[in-house]
């Protein structure tokens, strides 16, 4: 579904302003490359929160809680 919306958006942008579409197609991979460190940071933070949560609920699990 997202691909279809992207395709329709590109078609509309091509009809309205094709130079803007070309700039977007050039900058999109660059923006994607710049976002990789933030994705990695998000994965690390999510893992740390899961670890802290597991350690916090460990006594309840050992005592037979759900």
N, C-alpha and C. Protein backbone atom coordinates (compact mmCIF):
# COMPACT_ATOMS: atom_id res chain seq x y z
N UNK A 1 0.83 -1.19 0.00
CA UNK A 1 0.00 0.00 0.00
C UNK A 1 0.87 1.25 0.00
N UNK A 2 1.97 1.21 0.80
CA UNK A 2 2.85 2.38 0.84
C UNK A 2 3.51 2.61 -0.52
N UNK A 3 3.87 1.52 -1.20
CA UNK A 3 4.49 1.66 -2.52
C UNK A 3 3.52 2.30 -3.51
N UNK A 4 2.26 1.91 -3.43
CA UNK A 4 1.26 2.48 -4.32
C UNK A 4 1.08 3.97 -4.07
N UNK A 5 1.04 4.36 -2.79
CA UNK A 5 0.92 5.78 -2.48
C UNK A 5 2.15 6.55 -2.94
N UNK A 6 3.33 5.95 -2.79
CA UNK A 6 4.56 6.59 -3.26
C UNK A 6 4.54 6.75 -4.78
N UNK A 7 4.07 5.74 -5.48
CA UNK A 7 3.99 5.79 -6.93
C UNK A 7 3.00 6.86 -7.40
N UNK A 8 1.86 6.94 -6.75
CA UNK A 8 0.87 7.96 -7.10
C UNK A 8 1.41 9.35 -6.79
N UNK A 9 2.09 9.50 -5.66
CA UNK A 9 2.69 10.78 -5.31
C UNK A 9 3.76 11.20 -6.31
N UNK A 10 4.56 10.25 -6.77
CA UNK A 10 5.59 10.56 -7.78
C UNK A 10 4.94 10.96 -9.10
N UNK A 11 3.87 10.28 -9.47
CA UNK A 11 3.19 10.63 -10.72
C UNK A 11 2.60 12.03 -10.66
N UNK A 12 1.99 12.38 -9.54
CA UNK A 12 1.43 13.73 -9.37
C UNK A 12 2.54 14.77 -9.38
N UNK A 13 3.63 14.48 -8.68
CA UNK A 13 4.75 15.41 -8.65
C UNK A 13 5.40 15.54 -10.02
N UNK A 14 5.42 14.47 -10.79
CA UNK A 14 5.99 14.51 -12.13
C UNK A 14 5.17 15.43 -13.04
N UNK A 15 3.85 15.35 -12.91
CA UNK A 15 2.97 16.19 -13.73
C UNK A 15 3.08 17.65 -13.30
N UNK A 16 3.14 17.90 -12.00
CA UNK A 16 3.15 19.28 -11.53
C UNK A 16 4.52 19.93 -11.65
N UNK A 17 5.57 19.23 -11.22
CA UNK A 17 6.90 19.83 -11.23
C UNK A 17 7.95 18.72 -11.35
N UNK A 18 8.36 18.42 -12.57
CA UNK A 18 9.32 17.35 -12.77
C UNK A 18 10.72 17.68 -12.24
N UNK A 19 11.18 18.96 -12.23
CA UNK A 19 12.50 19.19 -11.62
C UNK A 19 12.52 18.90 -10.12
N UNK A 20 11.41 19.19 -9.46
CA UNK A 20 11.33 18.89 -8.03
C UNK A 20 11.37 17.38 -7.80
N UNK A 21 10.76 16.62 -8.70
CA UNK A 21 10.80 15.16 -8.60
C UNK A 21 12.23 14.65 -8.77
N UNK A 22 12.98 15.23 -9.70
CA UNK A 22 14.36 14.81 -9.90
C UNK A 22 15.22 15.11 -8.67
N UNK A 23 15.00 16.27 -8.07
CA UNK A 23 15.74 16.62 -6.85
C UNK A 23 15.38 15.64 -5.74
N UNK A 24 14.11 15.30 -5.63
CA UNK A 24 13.68 14.35 -4.61
C UNK A 24 14.30 12.98 -4.84
N UNK A 25 14.37 12.54 -6.08
CA UNK A 25 14.95 11.22 -6.37
C UNK A 25 16.45 11.20 -6.10
N UNK A 26 17.12 12.33 -6.22
CA UNK A 26 18.55 12.39 -5.92
C UNK A 26 18.77 12.44 -4.41
N UNK A 27 17.95 13.20 -3.69
CA UNK A 27 18.16 13.39 -2.25
C UNK A 27 17.63 12.25 -1.39
N UNK A 28 16.69 11.47 -1.90
CA UNK A 28 16.08 10.40 -1.10
C UNK A 28 17.09 9.36 -0.62
N UNK A 29 18.00 8.86 -1.45
CA UNK A 29 19.00 7.91 -0.93
C UNK A 29 19.94 8.55 0.10
N UNK A 30 20.25 9.83 -0.09
CA UNK A 30 21.10 10.53 0.86
C UNK A 30 20.42 10.66 2.22
N UNK A 31 19.15 10.99 2.20
CA UNK A 31 18.39 11.09 3.46
C UNK A 31 18.30 9.72 4.13
N UNK A 32 18.11 8.67 3.32
CA UNK A 32 18.04 7.33 3.87
C UNK A 32 19.36 6.94 4.55
N UNK A 33 20.48 7.29 3.91
CA UNK A 33 21.79 6.98 4.50
C UNK A 33 22.02 7.75 5.80
N UNK A 34 21.55 8.98 5.86
CA UNK A 34 21.71 9.78 7.08
C UNK A 34 20.83 9.27 8.22
N UNK A 35 19.75 8.58 7.90
CA UNK A 35 18.85 8.09 8.94
C UNK A 35 19.30 6.77 9.56
N UNK A 36 20.27 6.08 8.96
CA UNK A 36 20.71 4.78 9.46
C UNK A 36 21.24 4.85 10.90
N UNK A 37 22.10 5.83 11.26
CA UNK A 37 22.56 5.86 12.66
C UNK A 37 21.41 6.06 13.67
N UNK A 38 20.40 6.82 13.28
CA UNK A 38 19.27 7.02 14.19
C UNK A 38 18.46 5.75 14.35
N UNK A 39 18.35 4.96 13.28
CA UNK A 39 17.66 3.67 13.40
C UNK A 39 18.42 2.73 14.33
N UNK A 40 19.75 2.69 14.18
CA UNK A 40 20.57 1.84 15.04
C UNK A 40 20.44 2.29 16.49
N UNK A 41 20.47 3.59 16.72
CA UNK A 41 20.30 4.11 18.07
C UNK A 41 18.94 3.73 18.65
N UNK A 42 17.90 3.77 17.84
CA UNK A 42 16.57 3.36 18.29
C UNK A 42 16.52 1.89 18.66
N UNK A 43 17.19 1.05 17.89
CA UNK A 43 17.23 -0.38 18.20
C UNK A 43 17.95 -0.63 19.52
N UNK A 44 19.08 0.09 19.72
CA UNK A 44 19.86 -0.07 20.95
C UNK A 44 19.05 0.39 22.17
N UNK A 45 18.40 1.53 22.05
CA UNK A 45 17.60 2.05 23.18
C UNK A 45 16.44 1.11 23.48
N UNK A 46 15.80 0.59 22.45
CA UNK A 46 14.69 -0.34 22.67
C UNK A 46 15.17 -1.62 23.36
N UNK A 47 16.36 -2.11 22.98
CA UNK A 47 16.92 -3.29 23.63
C UNK A 47 17.27 -3.04 25.08
N UNK A 48 17.82 -1.87 25.38
CA UNK A 48 18.17 -1.54 26.76
C UNK A 48 16.91 -1.43 27.63
N UNK A 49 15.87 -0.84 27.09
CA UNK A 49 14.61 -0.73 27.84
C UNK A 49 14.03 -2.12 28.10
N UNK A 50 14.10 -3.01 27.10
CA UNK A 50 13.61 -4.38 27.29
C UNK A 50 14.43 -5.12 28.34
N UNK A 51 15.77 -4.90 28.37
CA UNK A 51 16.62 -5.54 29.36
C UNK A 51 16.29 -5.05 30.77
N UNK A 52 16.12 -3.74 30.92
CA UNK A 52 15.79 -3.17 32.24
C UNK A 52 14.42 -3.67 32.70
N UNK A 53 13.48 -3.75 31.76
CA UNK A 53 12.14 -4.24 32.11
C UNK A 53 12.19 -5.71 32.54
N UNK A 54 13.00 -6.52 31.83
CA UNK A 54 13.12 -7.94 32.19
C UNK A 54 13.76 -8.09 33.55
N UNK A 55 14.77 -7.28 33.85
CA UNK A 55 15.41 -7.35 35.17
C UNK A 55 14.46 -6.89 36.27
N UNK A 56 13.63 -5.90 35.96
CA UNK A 56 12.69 -5.38 36.95
C UNK A 56 11.61 -6.42 37.29
N UNK A 57 11.16 -7.17 36.29
CA UNK A 57 10.10 -8.16 36.53
C UNK A 57 10.62 -9.55 36.83
N UNK A 58 11.94 -9.72 36.94
CA UNK A 58 12.51 -11.03 37.21
C UNK A 58 12.07 -11.60 38.57
N UNK A 59 12.05 -10.82 39.67
CA UNK A 59 11.59 -11.42 40.93
C UNK A 59 10.15 -11.92 40.88
N UNK A 60 9.30 -11.21 40.18
CA UNK A 60 7.91 -11.65 40.07
C UNK A 60 7.80 -12.95 39.28
N UNK A 61 8.61 -13.10 38.25
CA UNK A 61 8.60 -14.33 37.48
C UNK A 61 9.13 -15.50 38.29
N UNK A 62 10.16 -15.24 39.09
CA UNK A 62 10.71 -16.31 39.91
C UNK A 62 9.74 -16.76 40.99
N UNK A 63 8.91 -15.84 41.47
CA UNK A 63 7.93 -16.19 42.51
C UNK A 63 6.63 -16.73 41.92
N UNK A 64 6.53 -16.86 40.61
CA UNK A 64 5.37 -17.51 40.01
C UNK A 64 4.33 -16.55 39.49
N UNK A 65 4.65 -15.31 39.29
CA UNK A 65 3.68 -14.38 38.72
C UNK A 65 3.51 -14.59 37.22
N UNK A 66 2.47 -13.99 36.67
CA UNK A 66 2.23 -14.15 35.23
C UNK A 66 3.26 -13.34 34.53
